[in-house]
Protein backbone atom coordinates (compact mmCIF):
# COMPACT_ATOMS: atom_id res chain seq x y z
CA MET A 1 80.35 4.98 55.17
CA SER A 2 76.73 4.14 55.81
CA ALA A 3 73.76 4.93 53.58
CA LEU A 4 71.47 7.79 54.40
CA ILE A 5 68.22 6.84 56.10
CA ARG A 6 65.32 8.50 54.45
CA HIS A 7 62.39 8.88 56.80
CA HIS A 8 59.18 10.59 55.78
CA PRO A 9 56.99 11.14 58.82
CA VAL A 10 53.35 10.37 58.10
CA ARG A 11 50.65 12.02 60.10
CA PRO A 12 48.02 9.58 61.42
CA GLU A 13 45.16 11.15 59.44
CA GLU A 14 47.13 10.74 56.20
CA ALA A 15 47.75 7.08 56.98
CA VAL A 16 44.00 6.52 57.54
CA ALA A 17 43.16 8.31 54.30
CA ASP A 18 45.70 6.20 52.41
CA GLN A 19 44.24 3.01 53.89
CA GLU A 20 40.67 4.10 53.02
CA LEU A 21 41.73 4.97 49.47
CA ALA A 22 43.41 1.59 49.05
CA ALA A 23 40.27 -0.13 50.43
CA LEU A 24 38.07 1.84 48.01
CA VAL A 25 40.22 0.95 45.00
CA GLN A 26 40.21 -2.71 46.06
CA ALA A 27 36.41 -2.74 46.47
CA LEU A 28 35.93 -1.08 43.06
CA SER A 29 38.25 -3.66 41.53
CA ASP A 30 36.52 -6.58 43.28
CA HIS A 31 33.11 -5.54 41.91
CA GLY A 32 34.36 -4.89 38.38
CA ILE A 33 33.63 -1.18 38.52
CA LEU A 34 37.24 -0.22 37.77
CA ARG A 35 37.27 -2.47 34.71
CA PHE A 36 33.98 -0.94 33.52
CA ALA A 37 35.21 2.62 34.14
CA THR A 38 38.47 1.92 32.30
CA ALA A 39 36.64 0.42 29.31
CA PHE A 40 34.20 3.35 29.30
CA VAL A 41 36.98 5.95 29.32
CA ARG A 42 38.83 4.13 26.53
CA ALA A 43 35.64 4.05 24.45
CA LEU A 44 34.72 7.66 25.26
CA PRO A 45 35.03 9.04 21.71
CA HIS A 46 32.74 6.29 20.40
CA THR A 47 30.24 6.49 23.27
CA SER A 48 29.98 10.26 22.99
CA LEU A 49 29.17 9.89 19.28
CA ILE A 50 26.47 7.34 20.06
CA VAL A 51 24.98 9.58 22.75
CA ALA A 52 25.10 12.64 20.48
CA ARG A 53 23.34 10.74 17.66
CA GLY A 54 20.73 9.48 20.09
CA LEU A 55 20.08 12.96 21.45
CA ASN A 56 19.82 14.35 17.93
CA ALA A 57 16.89 12.05 17.07
CA GLU A 58 13.45 13.62 16.81
CA ALA A 59 12.03 11.39 19.55
CA SER A 60 14.83 12.36 21.95
CA ARG A 61 14.26 16.06 21.33
CA THR A 62 10.54 15.55 21.97
CA VAL A 63 11.29 13.77 25.25
CA ILE A 64 13.61 16.57 26.35
CA GLN A 65 11.00 19.21 25.46
CA ASN A 66 8.33 17.28 27.39
CA VAL A 67 10.58 17.00 30.44
CA VAL A 68 11.33 20.73 30.26
CA ALA A 69 7.59 21.48 30.06
CA LEU A 70 6.90 19.19 33.03
CA LEU A 71 9.66 20.78 35.10
CA ALA A 72 8.43 24.28 34.22
CA ALA A 73 4.90 23.35 35.32
CA MET A 74 6.21 21.81 38.54
CA GLY A 75 8.23 24.97 39.15
CA ARG A 76 4.98 26.90 39.60
CA VAL A 77 3.77 24.59 42.40
CA PRO A 78 4.92 25.52 45.92
CA PRO A 79 6.89 22.67 47.56
CA ASP A 80 4.46 22.38 50.49
CA ASP A 81 1.50 22.00 48.12
CA PHE A 82 3.36 19.41 46.05
CA ALA A 83 4.29 17.43 49.17
CA HIS A 84 0.66 17.59 50.33
CA PHE A 85 -0.49 16.40 46.90
CA LEU A 86 1.98 13.47 46.92
CA GLU A 87 0.88 12.47 50.42
CA ALA A 88 -2.77 12.51 49.29
CA VAL A 89 -1.95 10.38 46.23
CA SER A 90 0.00 7.94 48.40
CA ARG A 91 -2.81 7.67 50.91
CA ALA A 92 -5.40 7.20 48.17
CA THR A 93 -3.28 4.48 46.58
CA ARG A 94 -2.97 2.63 49.89
CA ASP A 95 -6.75 2.87 50.45
CA VAL A 96 -7.50 1.59 46.94
CA GLU A 97 -5.11 -1.33 47.45
CA GLN A 98 -6.77 -2.18 50.78
CA GLU A 99 -10.25 -1.98 49.25
CA ALA A 100 -9.17 -4.19 46.35
CA ALA A 101 -7.73 -6.72 48.81
CA ASN A 102 -10.96 -6.67 50.84
CA GLY A 103 -13.18 -7.14 47.78
CA GLY A 104 -14.72 -3.66 47.49
CA GLY A 105 -17.08 -3.09 50.41
CA PRO A 106 -17.11 -3.71 54.14
CA ASN A 107 -18.24 -7.34 53.63
CA GLY A 108 -16.64 -7.71 50.24
CA GLU A 109 -19.90 -6.96 48.39
CA PRO A 110 -20.83 -3.99 46.18
CA PRO A 111 -22.86 -1.28 47.96
CA GLY A 112 -26.11 -1.85 46.02
CA LEU A 113 -28.88 0.74 45.62
CA ARG A 114 -29.26 1.49 49.31
CA GLY A 115 -25.49 1.86 49.72
CA ALA A 116 -25.33 4.15 46.67
CA TYR A 117 -28.15 6.28 48.13
CA HIS A 118 -26.22 6.56 51.42
CA LEU A 119 -23.12 7.58 49.48
CA LEU A 120 -25.10 10.36 47.79
CA GLN A 121 -26.18 11.63 51.22
CA ASP A 122 -22.67 11.49 52.72
CA ASP A 123 -21.51 15.07 53.37
CA ALA A 124 -17.91 14.01 54.07
CA LEU A 125 -17.76 12.30 50.68
CA TRP A 126 -19.04 15.38 48.85
CA HIS A 127 -16.67 17.56 50.84
CA ALA A 128 -13.79 15.34 49.68
CA LEU A 129 -15.04 15.14 46.08
CA GLY A 130 -15.48 18.93 45.75
CA PRO A 131 -11.80 19.77 45.13
CA LEU A 132 -11.48 16.78 42.83
CA LEU A 133 -14.46 17.90 40.74
CA ASP A 134 -13.13 21.48 40.66
CA GLY A 135 -9.78 20.13 39.48
CA LEU A 136 -11.49 18.09 36.75
CA LYS A 137 -13.40 21.20 35.61
CA ALA A 138 -10.16 23.22 35.43
CA PHE A 139 -8.50 20.35 33.57
CA GLY A 140 -11.36 20.25 31.05
CA ASP A 141 -11.23 24.02 30.63
CA ALA A 142 -7.48 23.86 30.02
CA LEU A 143 -7.97 21.16 27.40
CA GLY A 144 -10.74 23.22 25.81
CA HIS A 145 -8.41 26.20 25.45
CA ARG A 146 -5.86 24.20 23.51
CA ALA A 147 -6.30 26.57 20.58
CA HIS A 148 -4.42 29.21 22.63
CA PRO A 149 -1.73 27.25 24.49
CA GLN A 150 0.78 28.94 26.74
CA ALA A 151 3.61 26.48 26.21
CA PRO A 152 7.11 27.01 27.61
CA GLU A 153 9.86 28.06 25.25
CA GLN A 154 11.07 25.25 23.00
CA PRO A 155 14.78 24.59 22.59
CA PRO A 156 16.06 25.48 19.14
CA GLY A 157 16.38 22.77 16.45
CA PRO A 158 18.85 19.87 16.47
CA LEU A 159 21.36 19.60 19.29
CA LEU A 160 24.25 18.85 16.96
C-alpha cells in the first residue's frame, strides 16, 4: 500500500506574502534588529522600571508639563496660520544665511549713516516690521501680566 500524498494548495498571493515575510525577517536579522528586539523584550521588566523611575523625577514631570503647555498653545493656532508662520521663519533664516555669507550688505560693507537713513525711509521695511513690532508688544504685555497667568491644567503629582 502506498502512503497518502498530502497536498496543500497555496494561493499565489499567500506565497508572495510568505516570501516577503521571510525576506523581512532575514533583513531584520542581518541588521541586528531582531537581536536588539529580543534582548529588549527579555529585559522588559527592568527597562520598564528604569523608564518609570525616570518619568517620576521632578525634571521629567516639568518637561512633560512644558510639552503639554506648548501643545495646548499650538492647539489654538489654526494650521494655515502655523504653516504660514513656519514658511516665514524658513524664508527669513535663508535670507539671514545669505546675508551672512555675503558679508552683510550689497558690497559686503555695513550700510553706514546714509544707508541707515534710507532704511528709515523705506516703506516696505516698515510695512514688514509692523507685525513684528506688534507681536513684540503683545509678547511684552503677556510677560507683564505674569502675575495673573492663564496656564493649562497641570497633571497631578508623581506618575507612580
